[in-house]
């Protein structure tokens, strides 16, 4: 079981780091992955992982909110430039 947990945690962490800068949903994947670290920390009584997961998870959520705002801003700017060019969206 430990083998599966370690792979799940690794997959979520690597996916989040790879997707995050490209797509705002990647940061949410990372935040979800931190939930796995929290479960691991509580089940093994390694509370240092709990503190780490909470800190990293909050950073992932912060990055998600920031990236989502930037994405919305880009969509609005793109729609405005298309409207100025006379192109229907």
Protein backbone atom coordinates (compact mmCIF):
# COMPACT_ATOMS: atom_id res chain seq x y z
CA UNK A 1 0.00 0.00 0.00
CA UNK A 2 2.85 2.37 0.79
CA UNK A 3 4.15 1.84 -2.74
CA UNK A 4 0.85 3.01 -4.25
CA UNK A 5 0.66 6.06 -1.97
CA UNK A 6 4.15 7.18 -2.87
CA UNK A 7 3.37 6.93 -6.60
CA UNK A 8 0.05 8.77 -6.23
CA UNK A 9 1.69 11.60 -4.34
CA UNK A 10 4.47 11.81 -6.90
CA UNK A 11 2.07 11.83 -9.86
CA UNK A 12 -0.02 14.65 -8.40
CA UNK A 13 3.04 16.71 -7.48
CA UNK A 14 4.79 16.36 -10.82
CA UNK A 15 1.57 16.91 -12.79
CA UNK A 16 0.86 20.09 -10.84
CA UNK A 17 4.35 21.47 -11.40
CA UNK A 18 4.20 20.62 -15.10
CA UNK A 19 0.65 21.89 -15.69
CA UNK A 20 0.61 24.84 -13.31
CA UNK A 21 2.51 27.40 -15.39
CA UNK A 22 0.64 26.32 -18.53
CA UNK A 23 -2.90 25.97 -17.22
CA UNK A 24 -4.47 27.39 -14.08
CA UNK A 25 -6.10 24.03 -13.29
CA UNK A 26 -2.67 22.52 -12.68
CA UNK A 27 -2.40 24.42 -9.41
CA UNK A 28 -5.69 22.91 -8.28
CA UNK A 29 -4.33 19.44 -9.06
CA UNK A 30 -1.40 20.28 -6.81
CA UNK A 31 -3.68 21.41 -3.99
CA UNK A 32 -5.59 18.14 -4.26
CA UNK A 33 -2.31 16.24 -4.17
CA UNK A 34 -1.48 17.92 -0.88
CA UNK A 35 -4.61 16.28 0.51
CA UNK A 36 -2.86 12.96 -0.10
CA UNK A 37 0.12 14.23 1.90
CA UNK A 38 -2.22 15.23 4.72
CA UNK A 39 -3.75 11.74 4.78
CA UNK A 40 -0.27 10.24 4.76
CA UNK A 41 0.93 12.51 7.58
CA UNK A 42 -2.05 11.69 9.78
CA UNK A 43 -2.01 7.95 9.09
CA UNK A 44 1.73 7.64 9.80
CA UNK A 45 1.76 10.23 12.60
CA UNK A 46 4.48 12.20 10.83
CA UNK A 47 3.14 15.65 11.59
CA UNK A 48 5.95 17.50 9.86
CA UNK A 49 4.41 16.39 6.57
CA UNK A 50 1.11 17.86 7.74
CA UNK A 51 2.61 21.31 8.25
CA UNK A 52 4.42 21.07 4.93
CA UNK A 53 1.30 19.95 3.06
CA UNK A 54 -0.76 22.79 4.50
CA UNK A 55 1.89 25.36 3.53
CA UNK A 56 2.41 23.98 0.02
CA UNK A 57 -1.34 23.49 -0.47
CA UNK A 58 -2.00 27.12 0.42
CA UNK A 59 0.67 28.18 -2.10
CA UNK A 60 -0.98 26.03 -4.78
CA UNK A 61 -4.39 27.58 -4.01
CA UNK A 62 -2.88 31.07 -4.12
CA UNK A 63 -1.28 30.33 -7.50
CA UNK A 64 -4.59 28.89 -8.77
CA UNK A 65 -6.49 32.07 -7.86
CA UNK A 66 -3.80 34.30 -9.38
CA UNK A 67 -3.56 32.25 -12.59
CA UNK A 68 -7.35 32.12 -12.93
CA UNK A 69 -7.52 35.93 -12.75
CA UNK A 70 -4.78 36.23 -15.37
CA UNK A 71 -6.60 33.76 -17.61
CA UNK A 72 -9.86 35.72 -17.33
CA UNK A 73 -8.00 38.94 -18.09
CA UNK A 74 -6.43 37.39 -21.22
CA UNK A 75 -9.83 36.14 -22.42
CA UNK A 76 -11.34 39.61 -22.01
CA UNK A 77 -8.41 41.26 -23.80
CA UNK A 78 -8.64 38.75 -26.64
CA UNK A 79 -12.40 39.32 -27.01
CA UNK A 80 -11.87 43.09 -27.00
CA UNK A 81 -9.17 42.90 -29.69
CA UNK A 82 -11.41 40.68 -31.84
CA UNK A 83 -14.27 43.14 -31.42
CA UNK A 84 -12.04 46.03 -32.46
CA UNK A 85 -11.00 44.06 -35.52
CA UNK A 86 -14.66 43.47 -36.40
CA UNK A 87 -14.47 39.72 -35.87
CA UNK A 88 -17.37 37.98 -34.15
CA UNK A 89 -16.28 35.73 -31.27
